[in-house]
């Protein structure tokens, strides 16, 4: 899922506010540094998911080529299955 930068900012603020309000964390660094860390973690997760999507698309194309154009395949369903399999193999939670 592609998030805009302002959405990532709001998400980081919400995560930090909720963790602080629930007394689940104690800030040992300045708030800005913690927010920057949360934002980078979100961006890294997005990059991992984008890479997974590209790899799944590539595998789907290879599979379709090897099947020599069988048009009875539900492309969307096949892509989802490949993506789920890759995610499981890479221990990625979707």
N, C-alpha and C. Protein backbone atom coordinates (compact mmCIF):
# COMPACT_ATOMS: atom_id res chain seq x y z
N UNK A 1 0.85 -1.17 0.00
CA UNK A 1 0.00 0.00 0.00
C UNK A 1 0.90 1.23 0.00
N UNK A 2 0.59 2.13 -0.88
CA UNK A 2 1.39 3.34 -0.99
C UNK A 2 0.79 4.44 -0.12
N UNK A 3 1.58 4.95 0.81
CA UNK A 3 1.14 6.04 1.67
C UNK A 3 1.87 7.31 1.26
N UNK A 4 1.17 8.42 1.33
CA UNK A 4 1.79 9.72 1.08
C UNK A 4 2.57 10.11 2.32
N UNK A 5 3.51 11.02 2.14
CA UNK A 5 4.38 11.43 3.24
C UNK A 5 3.59 11.99 4.42
N UNK A 6 2.55 12.77 4.15
CA UNK A 6 1.75 13.33 5.25
C UNK A 6 0.97 12.23 5.98
N UNK A 7 0.60 11.17 5.26
CA UNK A 7 -0.08 10.04 5.91
C UNK A 7 0.90 9.30 6.82
N UNK A 8 2.13 9.15 6.38
CA UNK A 8 3.15 8.51 7.22
C UNK A 8 3.40 9.35 8.46
N UNK A 9 3.45 10.67 8.29
CA UNK A 9 3.64 11.57 9.43
C UNK A 9 2.52 11.40 10.46
N UNK A 10 1.27 11.40 9.97
CA UNK A 10 0.12 11.27 10.88
C UNK A 10 0.11 9.90 11.55
N UNK A 11 0.47 8.87 10.81
CA UNK A 11 0.52 7.52 11.37
C UNK A 11 1.56 7.44 12.49
N UNK A 12 2.73 8.01 12.25
CA UNK A 12 3.79 8.00 13.26
C UNK A 12 3.35 8.75 14.51
N UNK A 13 2.73 9.90 14.31
CA UNK A 13 2.22 10.69 15.45
C UNK A 13 1.20 9.88 16.25
N UNK A 14 0.30 9.21 15.55
CA UNK A 14 -0.75 8.42 16.20
C UNK A 14 -0.16 7.25 16.97
N UNK A 15 0.78 6.55 16.37
CA UNK A 15 1.42 5.41 17.05
C UNK A 15 2.11 5.88 18.32
N UNK A 16 2.89 6.94 18.21
CA UNK A 16 3.62 7.44 19.38
C UNK A 16 2.64 7.94 20.45
N UNK A 17 1.61 8.65 20.06
CA UNK A 17 0.63 9.16 21.02
C UNK A 17 -0.08 8.02 21.74
N UNK A 18 -0.47 7.00 20.98
CA UNK A 18 -1.18 5.87 21.58
C UNK A 18 -0.28 5.07 22.53
N UNK A 19 0.95 4.85 22.14
CA UNK A 19 1.88 4.11 23.01
C UNK A 19 2.17 4.89 24.28
N UNK A 20 2.33 6.19 24.15
CA UNK A 20 2.60 7.04 25.31
C UNK A 20 1.37 7.11 26.22
N UNK A 21 0.19 7.30 25.64
CA UNK A 21 -1.04 7.40 26.43
C UNK A 21 -1.34 6.11 27.19
N UNK A 22 -0.97 4.98 26.61
CA UNK A 22 -1.22 3.68 27.26
C UNK A 22 -0.09 3.30 28.21
N UNK A 23 0.85 4.20 28.41
CA UNK A 23 2.02 3.94 29.28
C UNK A 23 2.76 2.67 28.88
N UNK A 24 2.84 2.42 27.58
CA UNK A 24 3.56 1.24 27.08
C UNK A 24 5.02 1.56 26.79
N UNK A 25 5.34 2.85 26.70
CA UNK A 25 6.72 3.25 26.47
C UNK A 25 7.07 4.44 27.35
N UNK A 26 8.35 4.58 27.60
CA UNK A 26 8.90 5.75 28.29
C UNK A 26 9.92 6.34 27.33
N UNK A 27 9.75 7.61 26.99
CA UNK A 27 10.64 8.25 26.03
C UNK A 27 12.00 8.48 26.65
N UNK A 28 13.02 7.93 26.02
CA UNK A 28 14.40 8.11 26.48
C UNK A 28 15.18 9.01 25.53
N UNK A 29 14.56 9.36 24.41
CA UNK A 29 15.15 10.28 23.45
C UNK A 29 14.12 11.35 23.16
N UNK A 30 14.54 12.37 22.43
CA UNK A 30 13.59 13.44 22.11
C UNK A 30 12.50 12.93 21.17
N UNK A 31 11.36 13.53 21.29
CA UNK A 31 10.18 13.11 20.54
C UNK A 31 10.44 13.08 19.03
N UNK A 32 11.16 14.07 18.52
CA UNK A 32 11.45 14.14 17.08
C UNK A 32 12.26 12.95 16.59
N UNK A 33 13.21 12.51 17.39
CA UNK A 33 14.04 11.36 17.00
C UNK A 33 13.20 10.08 16.98
N UNK A 34 12.31 9.97 17.93
CA UNK A 34 11.44 8.78 17.99
C UNK A 34 10.48 8.78 16.79
N UNK A 35 9.91 9.92 16.49
CA UNK A 35 9.02 10.02 15.33
C UNK A 35 9.77 9.68 14.04
N UNK A 36 10.99 10.17 13.92
CA UNK A 36 11.80 9.87 12.73
C UNK A 36 12.03 8.36 12.61
N UNK A 37 12.28 7.69 13.72
CA UNK A 37 12.47 6.25 13.71
C UNK A 37 11.21 5.49 13.30
N UNK A 38 10.08 5.93 13.80
CA UNK A 38 8.81 5.29 13.44
C UNK A 38 8.54 5.49 11.95
N UNK A 39 8.76 6.72 11.46
CA UNK A 39 8.53 7.01 10.04
C UNK A 39 9.43 6.15 9.16
N UNK A 40 10.69 6.01 9.53
CA UNK A 40 11.60 5.19 8.74
C UNK A 40 11.20 3.73 8.76
N UNK A 41 10.70 3.25 9.89
CA UNK A 41 10.23 1.87 9.97
C UNK A 41 9.04 1.65 9.04
N UNK A 42 8.14 2.61 8.97
CA UNK A 42 6.98 2.51 8.08
C UNK A 42 7.45 2.53 6.62
N UNK A 43 8.37 3.45 6.30
CA UNK A 43 8.89 3.51 4.93
C UNK A 43 9.59 2.22 4.54
N UNK A 44 10.37 1.65 5.45
CA UNK A 44 11.08 0.39 5.18
C UNK A 44 10.07 -0.73 4.92
N UNK A 45 9.02 -0.77 5.69
CA UNK A 45 7.98 -1.79 5.50
C UNK A 45 7.31 -1.63 4.14
N UNK A 46 7.07 -0.40 3.74
CA UNK A 46 6.46 -0.14 2.43
C UNK A 46 7.40 -0.61 1.32
N UNK A 47 8.70 -0.34 1.48
CA UNK A 47 9.67 -0.79 0.46
C UNK A 47 9.69 -2.31 0.35
N UNK A 48 9.63 -3.00 1.48
CA UNK A 48 9.62 -4.46 1.47
C UNK A 48 8.39 -4.97 0.73
N UNK A 49 7.25 -4.36 1.00
CA UNK A 49 6.02 -4.79 0.33
C UNK A 49 6.06 -4.49 -1.17
N UNK A 50 6.64 -3.35 -1.54
CA UNK A 50 6.77 -3.03 -2.96
C UNK A 50 7.68 -4.04 -3.67
N UNK A 51 8.79 -4.42 -3.02
CA UNK A 51 9.69 -5.42 -3.59
C UNK A 51 8.98 -6.76 -3.74
N UNK A 52 8.20 -7.12 -2.75
CA UNK A 52 7.43 -8.36 -2.80
C UNK A 52 6.46 -8.33 -3.97
N UNK A 53 5.79 -7.21 -4.16
CA UNK A 53 4.84 -7.06 -5.26
C UNK A 53 5.54 -7.21 -6.61
N UNK A 54 6.70 -6.58 -6.77
CA UNK A 54 7.46 -6.69 -8.02
C UNK A 54 7.88 -8.13 -8.29
N UNK A 55 8.36 -8.79 -7.25
CA UNK A 55 8.78 -10.18 -7.41
C UNK A 55 7.61 -11.09 -7.76
N UNK A 56 6.46 -10.84 -7.15
CA UNK A 56 5.27 -11.63 -7.44
C UNK A 56 4.82 -11.40 -8.88
N UNK A 57 4.86 -10.15 -9.33
CA UNK A 57 4.50 -9.84 -10.72
C UNK A 57 5.43 -10.56 -11.69
N UNK A 58 6.72 -10.55 -11.38
CA UNK A 58 7.70 -11.21 -12.23
C UNK A 58 7.45 -12.72 -12.30
N UNK A 59 7.20 -13.33 -11.15
CA UNK A 59 6.92 -14.77 -11.13
C UNK A 59 5.62 -15.09 -11.88
N UNK A 60 4.64 -14.23 -11.76
CA UNK A 60 3.39 -14.43 -12.48
C UNK A 60 3.64 -14.40 -13.99
N UNK A 61 4.41 -13.42 -14.44
CA UNK A 61 4.71 -13.32 -15.87
C UNK A 61 5.45 -14.56 -16.36
N UNK A 62 6.42 -15.04 -15.57
CA UNK A 62 7.16 -16.25 -15.93
C UNK A 62 6.22 -17.44 -16.02
N UNK A 63 5.34 -17.55 -15.05
CA UNK A 63 4.38 -18.65 -15.02
C UNK A 63 3.46 -18.62 -16.22
N UNK A 64 2.95 -17.43 -16.54
CA UNK A 64 2.05 -17.30 -17.68
C UNK A 64 2.76 -17.62 -19.00
N UNK A 65 4.02 -17.18 -19.11
CA UNK A 65 4.79 -17.49 -20.32
C UNK A 65 5.00 -19.00 -20.45
N UNK A 66 5.28 -19.66 -19.33
CA UNK A 66 5.52 -21.10 -19.37
C UNK A 66 4.24 -21.87 -19.71
N UNK A 67 3.08 -21.26 -19.43
CA UNK A 67 1.80 -21.90 -19.74
C UNK A 67 1.37 -21.59 -21.17
N UNK A 68 2.16 -20.83 -21.87
CA UNK A 68 1.94 -20.48 -23.27
C UNK A 68 0.57 -19.83 -23.52
N UNK A 69 0.28 -18.85 -22.68
CA UNK A 69 -0.90 -18.02 -22.95
C UNK A 69 -2.24 -18.61 -22.59
N UNK A 70 -2.28 -19.55 -21.67
CA UNK A 70 -3.57 -20.09 -21.23
C UNK A 70 -4.39 -18.95 -20.63
N UNK A 71 -5.49 -18.60 -21.25
CA UNK A 71 -6.28 -17.44 -20.83
C UNK A 71 -7.34 -17.77 -19.79
N UNK A 72 -7.40 -19.01 -19.34
CA UNK A 72 -8.39 -19.40 -18.34
C UNK A 72 -7.93 -19.06 -16.92
N UNK A 73 -6.82 -18.38 -16.79
CA UNK A 73 -6.24 -18.07 -15.48
C UNK A 73 -6.80 -16.74 -14.97
N UNK A 74 -7.21 -16.74 -13.70
CA UNK A 74 -7.61 -15.49 -13.05
C UNK A 74 -6.33 -14.82 -12.57
N UNK A 75 -5.87 -13.85 -13.32
CA UNK A 75 -4.58 -13.18 -13.08
C UNK A 75 -4.49 -12.60 -11.67
N UNK A 76 -5.55 -11.94 -11.24
CA UNK A 76 -5.55 -11.31 -9.92
C UNK A 76 -5.41 -12.35 -8.80
N UNK A 77 -6.16 -13.42 -8.94
CA UNK A 77 -6.11 -14.48 -7.93
C UNK A 77 -4.74 -15.15 -7.91
N UNK A 78 -4.19 -15.40 -9.09
CA UNK A 78 -2.87 -16.02 -9.19
C UNK A 78 -1.80 -15.12 -8.57
N UNK A 79 -1.88 -13.83 -8.84
CA UNK A 79 -0.92 -12.88 -8.27
C UNK A 79 -1.00 -12.88 -6.76
N UNK A 80 -2.23 -12.87 -6.24
CA UNK A 80 -2.42 -12.88 -4.78
C UNK A 80 -1.82 -14.15 -4.16
N UNK A 81 -2.03 -15.29 -4.82
CA UNK A 81 -1.49 -16.56 -4.31
C UNK A 81 0.04 -16.54 -4.31
N UNK A 82 0.62 -16.04 -5.39
CA UNK A 82 2.09 -15.96 -5.47
C UNK A 82 2.62 -15.02 -4.40
N UNK A 83 1.97 -13.88 -4.24
CA UNK A 83 2.39 -12.90 -3.25
C UNK A 83 2.31 -13.48 -1.84
N UNK A 84 1.23 -14.18 -1.53
CA UNK A 84 1.09 -14.80 -0.21
C UNK A 84 2.17 -15.86 0.03
N UNK A 85 2.49 -16.63 -1.01
CA UNK A 85 3.52 -17.66 -0.89
C UNK A 85 4.89 -17.02 -0.66
N UNK A 86 5.21 -15.98 -1.42
CA UNK A 86 6.48 -15.28 -1.24
C UNK A 86 6.56 -14.66 0.16
N UNK A 87 5.46 -14.06 0.60
CA UNK A 87 5.44 -13.44 1.92
C UNK A 87 5.69 -14.48 3.02
N UNK A 88 5.07 -15.63 2.87
CA UNK A 88 5.27 -16.70 3.85
C UNK A 88 6.72 -17.17 3.85
N UNK A 89 7.27 -17.37 2.66
CA UNK A 89 8.67 -17.82 2.54
C UNK A 89 9.64 -16.79 3.13
N UNK A 90 9.33 -15.53 2.97
CA UNK A 90 10.21 -14.45 3.46
C UNK A 90 9.86 -13.99 4.87
N UNK A 91 8.84 -14.63 5.44
CA UNK A 91 8.38 -14.29 6.80
C UNK A 91 7.95 -12.82 6.89
N UNK A 92 7.15 -12.41 5.90
CA UNK A 92 6.60 -11.06 5.85
C UNK A 92 5.12 -11.14 6.17
N UNK A 93 4.68 -10.29 7.07
CA UNK A 93 3.26 -10.23 7.40
C UNK A 93 2.61 -9.19 6.51
N UNK A 94 1.58 -9.62 5.79
CA UNK A 94 0.87 -8.70 4.89
C UNK A 94 -0.29 -8.04 5.59
